[in-house]
Amino acid sequence: MEPPRPAGPHKPAQDNEKPLASASTSTPNYELRAILSGHKASIASITFSPDGAMLASAGSDKVIKLWDGITGEILDTLEGHTEGISDIAWASDGEYIASASDDKTIKIWSMEERSEVKTLIGHTNFVFCVNYNPNSNLLVSGGFDETVRIWDIARGKPLKVLPAHSDPVTAVSFNHDGTLVVSCAMDGLIRIWDAESGQCLKTLVDDDNPICSHVKFSPNSRFVLASTQDSTIRLWNYQTSKCVKTYTGHSNRTYCIPACFVTSKGKYIVSGSEDNKIYIWDLQTRQVLQVLDGHRDAVLAIATHPFRNIIASASMEKDLTIRLWFDE
């Protein structure tokens, strides 16, 4: 896990742009529906399959667990990594999962065979983050070797090795058409890359330069949502290099905690927190609309169902559960 670093106060948002459609008309009312147990160490990553039928989870116990995405019933456990897993990602067709591990490898797992089909070797230190492009023929990964790598999955080889950051890379993701990659790192920088050429198109940085834990494109790919270790989530218009919204109230100063968009009901932002809770904000007004309480340790992983009003959350050592929260 990441070392804590002091962080300064956040800057106020520039609230003069509309990131997505109009403000939410509904108020979230998520309730705990299921508690999933099975992991033996901290859970680092959870994610729903593209069709929402399955939930995958992984963490320090070196395994990937597959659960029913609605009932939470355990379906399978995938074993093969020799060290902890920091991140997992589904292919867009749901047929494969990629996993990033401290054993310096990325593994590709077949959902049909429920087994490992390929190992990608190239990172020289812990692999911390991984994501597929929309066509699922490329992977992007980042790690403690400070590089971002774009992989040709069929060949099992990196197409590009980008000397992207001056600190460990904490998150990487493609935009909705696969033309751009966004990365962030402990150096506090967010970078936008041309996926084909590997050229850095833009660097975003806040004045206080807090560690950037997680970054992802908005559903329309016009904005970037960034979580930083000054207990702030920022929404950036990367074309103008302006932070247009900030979301606060949660606690995040030590670990890499992702934030997600919820678009199935209203337009919300959701994040875990080091105070053991989950926070839901209105995307436009930035108000905290609901706080979900129940975990007994920091909530490091969060996932939203692709089309139902379901949030999955996962916690650290003192808890080790995944919780499914429903608003329907």
C-alpha atoms as a PDB file:
ATOM      1  CA  MET A   1       0.000   0.000   0.000  1.00  0.00           C
ATOM      2  CA  GLU A   2       1.024   3.590  -0.462  1.00  0.00           C
ATOM      3  CA  PRO A   3       2.822   5.620   2.207  1.00  0.00           C
ATOM      4  CA  PRO A   4       0.950   8.602   3.586  1.00  0.00           C
ATOM      5  CA  ARG A   5       2.049  12.028   2.455  1.00  0.00           C
ATOM      6  CA  PRO A   6       1.022  15.405   3.913  1.00  0.00           C
ATOM      7  CA  ALA A   7      -1.332  17.300   1.656  1.00  0.00           C
ATOM      8  CA  GLY A   8      -2.343  20.925   1.587  1.00  0.00           C
ATOM      9  CA  PRO A   9      -5.887  22.347   1.442  1.00  0.00           C
ATOM     10  CA  HIS A  10      -7.746  21.892  -1.811  1.00  0.00           C
ATOM     11  CA  LYS A  11      -8.659  24.719  -4.138  1.00  0.00           C
ATOM     12  CA  PRO A  12     -12.298  25.716  -4.678  1.00  0.00           C
ATOM     13  CA  ALA A  13     -13.954  24.393  -7.796  1.00  0.00           C
ATOM     14  CA  GLN A  14     -14.493  26.487 -10.842  1.00  0.00           C
ATOM     15  CA  ASP A  15     -18.176  25.771 -11.213  1.00  0.00           C
ATOM     16  CA  ASN A  16     -18.863  27.325 -14.585  1.00  0.00           C
ATOM     17  CA  GLU A  17     -19.256  24.220 -16.738  1.00  0.00           C
ATOM     18  CA  LYS A  18     -21.767  21.407 -16.971  1.00  0.00           C
ATOM     19  CA  PRO A  19     -19.868  18.116 -16.971  1.00  0.00           C
ATOM     20  CA  LEU A  20     -22.769  15.841 -17.852  1.00  0.00           C
ATOM     21  CA  ALA A  21     -26.501  16.200 -18.336  1.00  0.00           C
ATOM     22  CA  SER A  22     -28.634  18.289 -16.011  1.00  0.00           C
ATOM     23  CA  ALA A  23     -28.533  17.870 -12.248  1.00  0.00           C
ATOM     24  CA  SER A  24     -30.033  14.834 -10.549  1.00  0.00           C
ATOM     25  CA  THR A  25     -33.743  14.894  -9.924  1.00  0.00           C
ATOM     26  CA  SER A  26     -33.668  11.876  -7.606  1.00  0.00           C
ATOM     27  CA  THR A  27     -32.051  11.249  -4.248  1.00  0.00           C
ATOM     28  CA  PRO A  28     -30.109   8.030  -3.740  1.00  0.00           C
ATOM     29  CA  ASN A  29     -31.448   5.609  -1.152  1.00  0.00           C
ATOM     30  CA  TYR A  30     -29.033   2.679  -1.195  1.00  0.00           C
ATOM     31  CA  GLU A  31     -29.548  -0.117   1.331  1.00  0.00           C
ATOM     32  CA  LEU A  32     -27.326  -3.063   2.214  1.00  0.00           C
ATOM     33  CA  ARG A  33     -28.571  -6.199   0.450  1.00  0.00           C
ATOM     34  CA  ALA A  34     -25.710  -8.732   0.714  1.00  0.00           C
ATOM     35  CA  ILE A  35     -22.394  -9.297   2.518  1.00  0.00           C
ATOM     36  CA  LEU A  36     -19.855 -11.423   0.618  1.00  0.00           C
ATOM     37  CA  SER A  37     -17.073 -13.190   2.521  1.00  0.00           C
ATOM     38  CA  GLY A  38     -14.204 -15.275   1.209  1.00  0.00           C
ATOM     39  CA  HIS A  39     -11.052 -13.183   0.832  1.00  0.00           C
ATOM     40  CA  LYS A  40      -8.303 -13.813   3.369  1.00  0.00           C
ATOM     41  CA  ALA A  41      -6.504 -10.449   3.005  1.00  0.00           C
ATOM     42  CA  SER A  42      -7.246  -6.857   1.961  1.00  0.00           C
ATOM     43  CA  ILE A  43      -9.385  -6.498  -1.162  1.00  0.00           C
ATOM     44  CA  ALA A  44      -7.785  -4.072  -3.610  1.00  0.00           C
ATOM     45  CA  SER A  45     -10.117  -4.136  -6.615  1.00  0.00           C
ATOM     46  CA  ILE A  46     -13.706  -5.071  -7.474  1.00  0.00           C
ATOM     47  CA  THR A  47     -15.485  -4.682 -10.792  1.00  0.00           C
ATOM     48  CA  PHE A  48     -18.759  -5.757 -12.398  1.00  0.00           C
ATOM     49  CA  SER A  49     -18.718  -7.608 -15.709  1.00  0.00           C
ATOM     50  CA  PRO A  50     -19.974  -5.564 -18.695  1.00  0.00           C
ATOM     51  CA  ASP A  51     -23.354  -7.348 -18.594  1.00  0.00           C
ATOM     52  CA  GLY A  52     -23.579  -6.994 -14.804  1.00  0.00           C
ATOM     53  CA  ALA A  53     -24.035 -10.729 -14.276  1.00  0.00           C
ATOM     54  CA  MET A  54     -20.776 -11.179 -12.378  1.00  0.00           C
ATOM     55  CA  LEU A  55     -18.638  -9.304  -9.896  1.00  0.00           C
ATOM     56  CA  ALA A  56     -14.900  -9.971  -9.776  1.00  0.00           C
ATOM     57  CA  SER A  57     -12.714  -9.153  -6.773  1.00  0.00           C
ATOM     58  CA  ALA A  58      -9.007  -9.471  -6.018  1.00  0.00           C
ATOM     59  CA  GLY A  59      -6.462  -8.426  -3.444  1.00  0.00           C
ATOM     60  CA  SER A  60      -3.516  -9.262  -1.227  1.00  0.00           C
ATOM     61  CA  ASP A  61      -4.452 -12.972  -0.971  1.00  0.00           C
ATOM     62  CA  LYS A  62      -3.263 -13.446  -4.615  1.00  0.00           C
ATOM     63  CA  VAL A  63      -6.609 -14.759  -5.922  1.00  0.00           C
ATOM     64  CA  ILE A  64      -9.483 -13.496  -8.056  1.00  0.00           C
ATOM     65  CA  LYS A  65     -12.959 -14.387  -6.842  1.00  0.00           C
ATOM     66  CA  LEU A  66     -16.020 -14.420  -9.092  1.00  0.00           C
ATOM     67  CA  TRP A  67     -19.435 -13.723  -7.601  1.00  0.00           C
ATOM     68  CA  ASP A  68     -22.965 -13.528  -8.915  1.00  0.00           C
ATOM     69  CA  GLY A  69     -23.434  -9.802  -9.594  1.00  0.00           C
ATOM     70  CA  ILE A  70     -26.924  -9.708  -8.084  1.00  0.00           C
ATOM     71  CA  THR A  71     -27.113 -12.352  -5.348  1.00  0.00           C
ATOM     72  CA  GLY A  72     -23.457 -12.285  -4.330  1.00  0.00           C
ATOM     73  CA  GLU A  73     -23.182 -16.076  -4.499  1.00  0.00           C
ATOM     74  CA  ILE A  74     -19.566 -17.256  -4.916  1.00  0.00           C
ATOM     75  CA  LEU A  75     -19.001 -18.779  -8.366  1.00  0.00           C
ATOM     76  CA  ASP A  76     -15.277 -19.492  -8.617  1.00  0.00           C
ATOM     77  CA  THR A  77     -11.757 -18.674  -7.410  1.00  0.00           C
ATOM     78  CA  LEU A  78      -8.883 -18.132  -9.861  1.00  0.00           C
ATOM     79  CA  GLU A  79      -5.374 -18.855  -8.617  1.00  0.00           C
ATOM     80  CA  GLY A  80      -2.007 -18.321 -10.319  1.00  0.00           C
ATOM     81  CA  HIS A  81      -0.354 -15.109  -9.150  1.00  0.00           C
ATOM     82  CA  THR A  82       2.511 -15.527  -6.688  1.00  0.00           C
ATOM     83  CA  GLU A  83       2.018 -12.120  -5.022  1.00  0.00           C
ATOM     84  CA  GLY A  84      -0.910  -9.854  -4.222  1.00  0.00           C
ATOM     85  CA  ILE A  85      -3.169  -8.437  -6.942  1.00  0.00           C
ATOM     86  CA  SER A  86      -3.687  -4.663  -7.074  1.00  0.00           C
ATOM     87  CA  ASP A  87      -6.132  -4.316  -9.972  1.00  0.00           C
ATOM     88  CA  ILE A  88      -8.444  -6.289 -12.249  1.00  0.00           C
ATOM     89  CA  ALA A  89     -10.313  -5.296 -15.417  1.00  0.00           C
ATOM     90  CA  TRP A  90     -12.907  -6.947 -17.660  1.00  0.00           C
ATOM     91  CA  ALA A  91     -12.678  -7.132 -21.424  1.00  0.00           C
ATOM     92  CA  SER A  92     -15.637  -5.331 -23.043  1.00  0.00           C
ATOM     93  CA  ASP A  93     -17.214  -8.632 -24.164  1.00  0.00           C
ATOM     94  CA  GLY A  94     -16.897 -10.086 -20.663  1.00  0.00           C
ATOM     95  CA  GLU A  95     -14.941 -13.101 -21.901  1.00  0.00           C
ATOM     96  CA  TYR A  96     -11.639 -12.235 -20.236  1.00  0.00           C
ATOM     97  CA  ILE A  97     -10.281 -10.620 -17.070  1.00  0.00           C
ATOM     98  CA  ALA A  98      -6.838  -9.015 -16.783  1.00  0.00           C
ATOM     99  CA  SER A  99      -5.089  -8.830 -13.412  1.00  0.00           C
ATOM    100  CA  ALA A 100      -2.123  -6.721 -12.292  1.00  0.00           C
ATOM    101  CA  SER A 101       0.108  -8.113  -9.564  1.00  0.00           C
ATOM    102  CA  ASP A 102       3.057  -7.432  -7.292  1.00  0.00           C
ATOM    103  CA  ASP A 103       4.693 -10.460  -8.984  1.00  0.00           C
ATOM    104  CA  LYS A 104       5.430  -7.967 -11.847  1.00  0.00           C
ATOM    105  CA  THR A 105       3.094  -9.764 -14.278  1.00  0.00           C
ATOM    106  CA  ILE A 106      -0.289  -9.203 -15.868  1.00  0.00           C
ATOM    107  CA  LYS A 107      -2.366 -12.335 -16.339  1.00  0.00           C
ATOM    108  CA  ILE A 108      -5.263 -12.830 -18.754  1.00  0.00           C
ATOM    109  CA  TRP A 109      -7.992 -15.190 -17.558  1.00  0.00           C
ATOM    110  CA  SER A 110     -10.616 -16.894 -19.732  1.00  0.00           C
ATOM    111  CA  MET A 111     -14.102 -16.774 -18.238  1.00  0.00           C
ATOM    112  CA  GLU A 112     -15.173 -19.732 -20.359  1.00  0.00           C
ATOM    113  CA  GLU A 113     -12.333 -21.925 -19.142  1.00  0.00           C
ATOM    114  CA  ARG A 114     -12.027 -20.205 -15.755  1.00  0.00           C
ATOM    115  CA  SER A 115      -8.267 -20.406 -16.108  1.00  0.00           C
ATOM    116  CA  GLU A 116      -5.191 -18.347 -16.971  1.00  0.00           C
ATOM    117  CA  VAL A 117      -4.530 -18.195 -20.729  1.00  0.00           C
ATOM    118  CA  LYS A 118      -1.673 -15.693 -20.987  1.00  0.00           C
ATOM    119  CA  THR A 119       0.947 -13.941 -18.860  1.00  0.00           C
ATOM    120  CA  LEU A 120       2.337 -10.555 -19.925  1.00  0.00           C
ATOM    121  CA  ILE A 121       5.899  -9.975 -18.721  1.00  0.00           C
ATOM    122  CA  GLY A 122       7.750  -6.680 -19.039  1.00  0.00           C
ATOM    123  CA  HIS A 123       7.196  -4.488 -15.989  1.00  0.00           C
ATOM    124  CA  THR A 124      10.293  -4.375 -13.789  1.00  0.00           C
ATOM    125  CA  ASN A 125       8.426  -3.743 -10.542  1.00  0.00           C
ATOM    126  CA  PHE A 126       4.930  -4.183  -9.047  1.00  0.00           C
ATOM    127  CA  VAL A 127       2.140  -3.803 -11.622  1.00  0.00           C
ATOM    128  CA  PHE A 128      -0.439  -1.587  -9.942  1.00  0.00           C
ATOM    129  CA  CYS A 129      -3.154  -0.873 -12.538  1.00  0.00           C
ATOM    130  CA  VAL A 130      -4.592  -2.317 -15.746  1.00  0.00           C
ATOM    131  CA  ASN A 131      -7.444  -1.634 -18.175  1.00  0.00           C
ATOM    132  CA  TYR A 132      -8.691  -2.828 -21.575  1.00  0.00           C
ATOM    133  CA  ASN A 133      -9.402  -0.642 -24.576  1.00  0.00           C
ATOM    134  CA  PRO A 134     -13.012  -0.761 -25.921  1.00  0.00           C
ATOM    135  CA  ASN A 135     -12.102  -3.320 -28.611  1.00  0.00           C
ATOM    136  CA  SER A 136     -10.373  -5.495 -25.979  1.00  0.00           C
ATOM    137  CA  ASN A 137      -7.371  -6.062 -28.266  1.00  0.00           C
ATOM    138  CA  LEU A 138      -5.104  -3.764 -26.230  1.00  0.00           C
ATOM    139  CA  LEU A 139      -4.304  -3.403 -22.544  1.00  0.00           C
ATOM    140  CA  VAL A 140      -2.831  -0.424 -20.730  1.00  0.00           C
ATOM    141  CA  SER A 141      -0.927  -0.963 -17.491  1.00  0.00           C
ATOM    142  CA  GLY A 142       1.062   1.051 -14.987  1.00  0.00           C
ATOM    143  CA  GLY A 143       3.264   0.237 -12.070  1.00  0.00           C
ATOM    144  CA  PHE A 144       6.024   0.988  -9.615  1.00  0.00           C
ATOM    145  CA  ASP A 145       8.583   1.070 -12.452  1.00  0.00           C
ATOM    146  CA  GLU A 146       6.984   4.475 -13.295  1.00  0.00           C
ATOM    147  CA  THR A 147       6.043   3.362 -16.828  1.00  0.00           C
ATOM    148  CA  VAL A 148       2.770   3.119 -18.690  1.00  0.00           C
ATOM    149  CA  ARG A 149       2.697   0.176 -21.099  1.00  0.00           C
ATOM    150  CA  ILE A 150       0.279  -0.451 -23.960  1.00  0.00           C
ATOM    151  CA  TRP A 151       0.109  -4.166 -24.799  1.00  0.00           C
ATOM    152  CA  ASP A 152      -0.915  -6.083 -27.896  1.00  0.00           C
ATOM    153  CA  ILE A 153      -2.820  -8.884 -26.180  1.00  0.00           C
ATOM    154  CA  ALA A 154      -2.730 -11.344 -29.118  1.00  0.00           C
ATOM    155  CA  ARG A 155       1.074 -11.113 -29.341  1.00  0.00           C
ATOM    156  CA  GLY A 156       1.551 -10.768 -25.601  1.00  0.00           C
ATOM    157  CA  LYS A 157       4.028  -7.950 -26.200  1.00  0.00           C
ATOM    158  CA  PRO A 158       4.114  -4.243 -25.338  1.00  0.00           C
ATOM    159  CA  LEU A 159       3.481  -1.923 -28.293  1.00  0.00           C
ATOM    160  CA  LYS A 160       4.559   1.152 -26.328  1.00  0.00           C
ATOM    161  CA  VAL A 161       6.556   1.687 -23.140  1.00  0.00           C
ATOM    162  CA  LEU A 162       5.982   5.258 -21.987  1.00  0.00           C
ATOM    163  CA  PRO A 163       8.386   6.791 -19.398  1.00  0.00           C
ATOM    164  CA  ALA A 164       5.258   8.380 -18.071  1.00  0.00           C
ATOM    165  CA  HIS A 165       5.887   9.570 -14.522  1.00  0.00           C
ATOM    166  CA  SER A 166       8.578  10.158 -11.923  1.00  0.00           C
ATOM    167  CA  ASP A 167       6.781   8.073  -9.267  1.00  0.00           C
ATOM    168  CA  PRO A 168       4.717   4.874  -9.226  1.00  0.00           C
ATOM    169  CA  VAL A 169       1.772   4.925 -11.643  1.00  0.00           C
ATOM    170  CA  THR A 170      -1.474   4.428  -9.725  1.00  0.00           C
ATOM    171  CA  ALA A 171      -4.184   4.325 -12.438  1.00  0.00           C
ATOM    172  CA  VAL A 172      -4.522   3.998 -16.218  1.00  0.00           C
ATOM    173  CA  SER A 173      -7.570   3.941 -18.470  1.00  0.00           C
ATOM    174  CA  PHE A 174      -8.701   4.348 -22.086  1.00  0.00           C
ATOM    175  CA  ASN A 175     -11.397   6.764 -23.206  1.00  0.00           C
ATOM    176  CA  HIS A 176     -14.652   5.521 -24.770  1.00  0.00           C
ATOM    177  CA  ASP A 177     -13.269   5.112 -28.303  1.00  0.00           C
ATOM    178  CA  GLY A 178      -9.784   3.919 -27.353  1.00  0.00           C
ATOM    179  CA  THR A 179      -7.915   6.875 -28.879  1.00  0.00           C
ATOM    180  CA  LEU A 180      -6.696   8.320 -25.574  1.00  0.00           C
ATOM    181  CA  VAL A 181      -5.127   6.963 -22.408  1.00  0.00           C
ATOM    182  CA  VAL A 182      -5.189   8.759 -19.060  1.00  0.00           C
ATOM    183  CA  SER A 183      -2.655   8.008 -16.334  1.00  0.00           C
ATOM    184  CA  CYS A 184      -1.901   9.343 -12.870  1.00  0.00           C
ATOM    185  CA  ALA A 185       0.827   8.767 -10.333  1.00  0.00           C
ATOM    186  CA  MET A 186       2.221   9.516  -6.911  1.00  0.00           C
ATOM    187  CA  ASP A 187       4.016  12.464  -8.512  1.00  0.00           C
ATOM    188  CA  GLY A 188       0.612  14.195  -8.522  1.00  0.00           C
ATOM    189  CA  LEU A 189       0.447  14.466 -12.316  1.00  0.00           C
ATOM    190  CA  ILE A 190      -2.425  13.403 -14.551  1.00  0.00           C
ATOM    191  CA  ARG A 191      -1.390  12.806 -18.155  1.00  0.00           C
ATOM    192  CA  ILE A 192      -3.415  12.317 -21.327  1.00  0.00           C
ATOM    193  CA  TRP A 193      -1.716  10.234 -24.040  1.00  0.00           C
ATOM    194  CA  ASP A 194      -2.400   9.542 -27.688  1.00  0.00           C
ATOM    195  CA  ALA A 195      -2.935   5.775 -27.600  1.00  0.00           C
ATOM    196  CA  GLU A 196      -1.531   5.165 -31.076  1.00  0.00           C
ATOM    197  CA  SER A 197       1.575   7.364 -31.069  1.00  0.00           C
ATOM    198  CA  GLY A 198       2.289   7.326 -27.339  1.00  0.00           C
ATOM    199  CA  GLN A 199       2.658  11.110 -27.379  1.00  0.00           C
ATOM    200  CA  CYS A 200       1.767  13.021 -24.198  1.00  0.00           C
ATOM    201  CA  LEU A 201      -0.978  15.458 -25.202  1.00  0.00           C
ATOM    202  CA  LYS A 202      -1.697  17.112 -21.859  1.00  0.00           C
ATOM    203  CA  THR A 203      -0.508  17.236 -18.259  1.00  0.00           C
ATOM    204  CA  LEU A 204      -2.939  18.241 -15.515  1.00  0.00           C
ATOM    205  CA  VAL A 205      -1.705  19.180 -12.068  1.00  0.00           C
ATOM    206  CA  ASP A 206      -3.296  20.843  -9.058  1.00  0.00           C
ATOM    207  CA  ASP A 207      -1.421  23.698  -7.385  1.00  0.00           C
ATOM    208  CA  ASP A 208      -0.907  21.663  -4.212  1.00  0.00           C
ATOM    209  CA  ASN A 209       0.290  18.619  -6.174  1.00  0.00           C
ATOM    210  CA  PRO A 210      -1.237  15.910  -3.922  1.00  0.00           C
ATOM    211  CA  ILE A 211      -0.608  12.224  -4.675  1.00  0.00           C
ATOM    212  CA  CYS A 212      -3.076  11.207  -7.382  1.00  0.00           C
ATOM    213  CA  SER A 213      -4.610   7.839  -6.501  1.00  0.00           C
ATOM    214  CA  HIS A 214      -7.039   7.170  -9.305  1.00  0.00           C
ATOM    215  CA  VAL A 215      -8.232   8.667 -12.562  1.00  0.00           C
ATOM    216  CA  LYS A 216     -10.835   7.755 -15.170  1.00  0.00           C
ATOM    217  CA  PHE A 217     -12.665   9.368 -18.082  1.00  0.00           C
ATOM    218  CA  SER A 218     -16.297  10.419 -17.674  1.00  0.00           C
ATOM    219  CA  PRO A 219     -18.819   8.317 -19.649  1.00  0.00           C
ATOM    220  CA  ASN A 220     -18.756  10.898 -22.487  1.00  0.00           C
ATOM    221  CA  SER A 221     -14.919  11.087 -22.281  1.00  0.00           C
ATOM    222  CA  ARG A 222     -15.003  14.903 -22.111  1.00  0.00           C
ATOM    223  CA  PHE A 223     -13.888  15.013 -18.486  1.00  0.00           C
ATOM    224  CA  VAL A 224     -11.507  13.189 -16.158  1.00  0.00           C
ATOM    225  CA  LEU A 225     -12.395  12.237 -12.580  1.00  0.00           C
ATOM    226  CA  ALA A 226      -9.365  12.180 -10.268  1.00  0.00           C
ATOM    227  CA  SER A 227      -9.057  11.035  -6.644  1.00  0.00           C
ATOM    228  CA  THR A 228      -6.228  12.589  -4.652  1.00  0.00           C
ATOM    229  CA  GLN A 229      -4.771  11.981  -1.223  1.00  0.00           C
ATOM    230  CA  ASP A 230      -5.885  15.332   0.142  1.00  0.00           C
ATOM    231  CA  SER A 231      -9.409  13.952   0.717  1.00  0.00           C
ATOM    232  CA  THR A 232     -10.628  15.525  -2.506  1.00  0.00           C
ATOM    233  CA  ILE A 233     -12.062  14.249  -5.793  1.00  0.00           C
ATOM    234  CA  ARG A 234     -11.686  16.579  -8.769  1.00  0.00           C
ATOM    235  CA  LEU A 235     -13.464  16.676 -12.101  1.00  0.00           C
ATOM    236  CA  TRP A 236     -11.195  18.087 -14.816  1.00  0.00           C
ATOM    237  CA  ASN A 237     -12.032  19.464 -18.216  1.00  0.00           C
ATOM    238  CA  TYR A 238      -8.791  18.204 -19.720  1.00  0.00           C
ATOM    239  CA  GLN A 239      -9.242  20.171 -22.952  1.00  0.00           C
ATOM    240  CA  THR A 240      -9.113  23.475 -21.026  1.00  0.00           C
ATOM    241  CA  SER A 241      -6.902  22.075 -18.191  1.00  0.00           C
ATOM    242  CA  LYS A 242      -9.415  23.390 -15.657  1.00  0.00           C
ATOM    243  CA  CYS A 243     -10.772  21.708 -12.552  1.00  0.00           C
ATOM    244  CA  VAL A 244     -14.523  22.309 -12.833  1.00  0.00           C
ATOM    245  CA  LYS A 245     -15.814  20.451  -9.748  1.00  0.00           C
ATOM    246  CA  THR A 246     -14.459  19.273  -6.408  1.00  0.00           C
ATOM    247  CA  TYR A 247     -16.087  16.721  -4.105  1.00  0.00           C
ATOM    248  CA  THR A 248     -15.166  16.585  -0.420  1.00  0.00           C
ATOM    249  CA  GLY A 249     -16.408  15.099   2.850  1.00  0.00           C
ATOM    250  CA  HIS A 250     -14.746  11.690   2.704  1.00  0.00           C
ATOM    251  CA  SER A 251     -11.337  10.826   4.158  1.00  0.00           C
ATOM    252  CA  ASN A 252      -8.454   9.846   1.829  1.00  0.00           C
ATOM    253  CA  ARG A 253      -4.868  10.614   2.864  1.00  0.00           C
ATOM    254  CA  THR A 254      -3.113   7.229   2.860  1.00  0.00           C
ATOM    255  CA  TYR A 255      -4.443   4.747   0.300  1.00  0.00           C
ATOM    256  CA  CYS A 256      -5.367   4.660  -3.382  1.00  0.00           C
ATOM    257  CA  ILE A 257      -9.168   4.854  -3.372  1.00  0.00           C
ATOM    258  CA  PRO A 258     -11.046   5.080  -6.701  1.00  0.00           C
ATOM    259  CA  ALA A 259     -14.163   7.104  -7.418  1.00  0.00           C
ATOM    260  CA  CYS A 260     -16.906   6.087  -9.853  1.00  0.00           C
ATOM    261  CA  PHE A 261     -19.669   7.693 -11.849  1.00  0.00           C
ATOM    262  CA  VAL A 262     -23.234   6.510 -11.254  1.00  0.00           C
ATOM    263  CA  THR A 263     -25.550   7.185 -14.193  1.00  0.00           C
ATOM    264  CA  SER A 264     -28.151   4.427 -13.787  1.00  0.00           C
ATOM    265  CA  LYS A 265     -30.534   6.572 -11.715  1.00  0.00           C
ATOM    266  CA  GLY A 266     -29.286  10.092 -11.087  1.00  0.00           C
ATOM    267  CA  LYS A 267     -25.912  11.593 -11.900  1.00  0.00           C
ATOM    268  CA  TYR A 268     -23.725  10.828  -8.916  1.00  0.00           C
ATOM    269  CA  ILE A 269     -20.110  10.405  -7.863  1.00  0.00           C
ATOM    270  CA  VAL A 270     -19.377   7.588  -5.409  1.00  0.00           C
ATOM    271  CA  SER A 271     -16.202   6.818  -3.457  1.00  0.00           C
ATOM    272  CA  GLY A 272     -14.937   4.752  -0.574  1.00  0.00           C
ATOM    273  CA  SER A 273     -13.279   6.398   2.393  1.00  0.00           C
ATOM    274  CA  GLU A 274     -10.727   5.782   5.132  1.00  0.00           C
ATOM    275  CA  ASP A 275     -13.433   6.412   7.762  1.00  0.00           C
ATOM    276  CA  ASN A 276     -14.986   3.046   6.720  1.00  0.00           C
ATOM    277  CA  LYS A 277     -17.859   4.681   4.840  1.00  0.00           C
ATOM    278  CA  ILE A 278     -19.031   5.182   1.233  1.00  0.00           C
ATOM    279  CA  TYR A 279     -19.930   8.682   0.052  1.00  0.00           C
ATOM    280  CA  ILE A 280     -22.344   9.606  -2.740  1.00  0.00           C
ATOM    281  CA  TRP A 281     -22.331  13.132  -4.179  1.00  0.00           C
ATOM    282  CA  ASP A 282     -24.589  14.906  -6.638  1.00  0.00           C
ATOM    283  CA  LEU A 283     -22.411  15.355  -9.714  1.00  0.00           C
ATOM    284  CA  GLN A 284     -23.560  18.912 -10.418  1.00  0.00           C
ATOM    285  CA  THR A 285     -24.205  20.448  -6.981  1.00  0.00           C
ATOM    286  CA  ARG A 286     -21.304  18.575  -5.293  1.00  0.00           C
ATOM    287  CA  GLN A 287     -23.507  17.932  -2.235  1.00  0.00           C
ATOM    288  CA  VAL A 288     -23.120  14.714  -0.249  1.00  0.00           C
ATOM    289  CA  LEU A 289     -26.475  13.002  -0.822  1.00  0.00           C
ATOM    290  CA  GLN A 290     -25.940   9.751   1.089  1.00  0.00           C
ATOM    291  CA  VAL A 291     -23.318   8.108   3.313  1.00  0.00           C
ATOM    292  CA  LEU A 292     -23.313   4.300   3.529  1.00  0.00           C
ATOM    293  CA  ASP A 293     -22.120   2.919   6.847  1.00  0.00           C
ATOM    294  CA  GLY A 294     -21.350  -0.707   7.679  1.00  0.00           C
ATOM    295  CA  HIS A 295     -17.763  -1.639   6.867  1.00  0.00           C
ATOM    296  CA  ARG A 296     -15.375  -2.054   9.796  1.00  0.00           C
ATOM    297  CA  ASP A 297     -12.235  -0.855   7.998  1.00  0.00           C
ATOM    298  CA  ALA A 298     -11.216   1.553   5.222  1.00  0.00           C
ATOM    299  CA  VAL A 299     -13.193   1.074   2.008  1.00  0.00           C
ATOM    300  CA  LEU A 300     -10.532   0.777  -0.699  1.00  0.00           C
ATOM    301  CA  ALA A 301     -12.535  -0.604  -3.618  1.00  0.00           C
ATOM    302  CA  ILE A 302     -15.807   0.472  -5.177  1.00  0.00           C
ATOM    303  CA  ALA A 303     -17.731  -0.600  -8.265  1.00  0.00           C
ATOM    304  CA  THR A 304     -21.036   0.410  -9.837  1.00  0.00           C
ATOM    305  CA  HIS A 305     -23.316  -1.940 -11.770  1.00  0.00           C
ATOM    306  CA  PRO A 306     -23.467  -1.106 -15.510  1.00  0.00           C
ATOM    307  CA  PHE A 307     -27.241  -0.548 -15.571  1.00  0.00           C
ATOM    308  CA  ARG A 308     -28.871  -1.420 -12.228  1.00  0.00           C
ATOM    309  CA  ASN A 309     -28.721   0.772  -9.119  1.00  0.00           C
ATOM    310  CA  ILE A 310     -26.185  -1.408  -7.323  1.00  0.00           C
ATOM    311  CA  ILE A 311     -22.928  -0.358  -5.663  1.00  0.00           C
ATOM    312  CA  ALA A 312     -20.332  -2.907  -4.563  1.00  0.00           C
ATOM    313  CA  SER A 313     -17.771  -1.950  -1.910  1.00  0.00           C
ATOM    314  CA  ALA A 314     -14.830  -3.805  -0.377  1.00  0.00           C
ATOM    315  CA  SER A 315     -12.735  -3.314   2.707  1.00  0.00           C
ATOM    316  CA  MET A 316      -9.365  -3.923   4.365  1.00  0.00           C
ATOM    317  CA  GLU A 317      -7.909  -6.307   6.958  1.00  0.00           C
ATOM    318  CA  LYS A 318     -10.294  -5.773   9.849  1.00  0.00           C
ATOM    319  CA  ASP A 319     -13.316  -6.458   7.630  1.00  0.00           C
ATOM    320  CA  LEU A 320     -12.472  -8.371   4.399  1.00  0.00           C
ATOM    321  CA  THR A 321     -16.080  -8.300   3.182  1.00  0.00           C
ATOM    322  CA  ILE A 322     -17.653  -7.118  -0.040  1.00  0.00           C
ATOM    323  CA  ARG A 323     -21.014  -5.426   0.391  1.00  0.00           C
ATOM    324  CA  LEU A 324     -23.739  -4.997  -2.203  1.00  0.00           C
ATOM    325  CA  TRP A 325     -25.924  -1.906  -1.811  1.00  0.00           C
ATOM    326  CA  PHE A 326     -29.197  -1.664  -3.771  1.00  0.00           C
ATOM    327  CA  ASP A 327     -31.370   1.349  -4.570  1.00  0.00           C
ATOM    328  CA  GLU A 328     -34.388  -0.272  -6.219  1.00  0.00           C
END
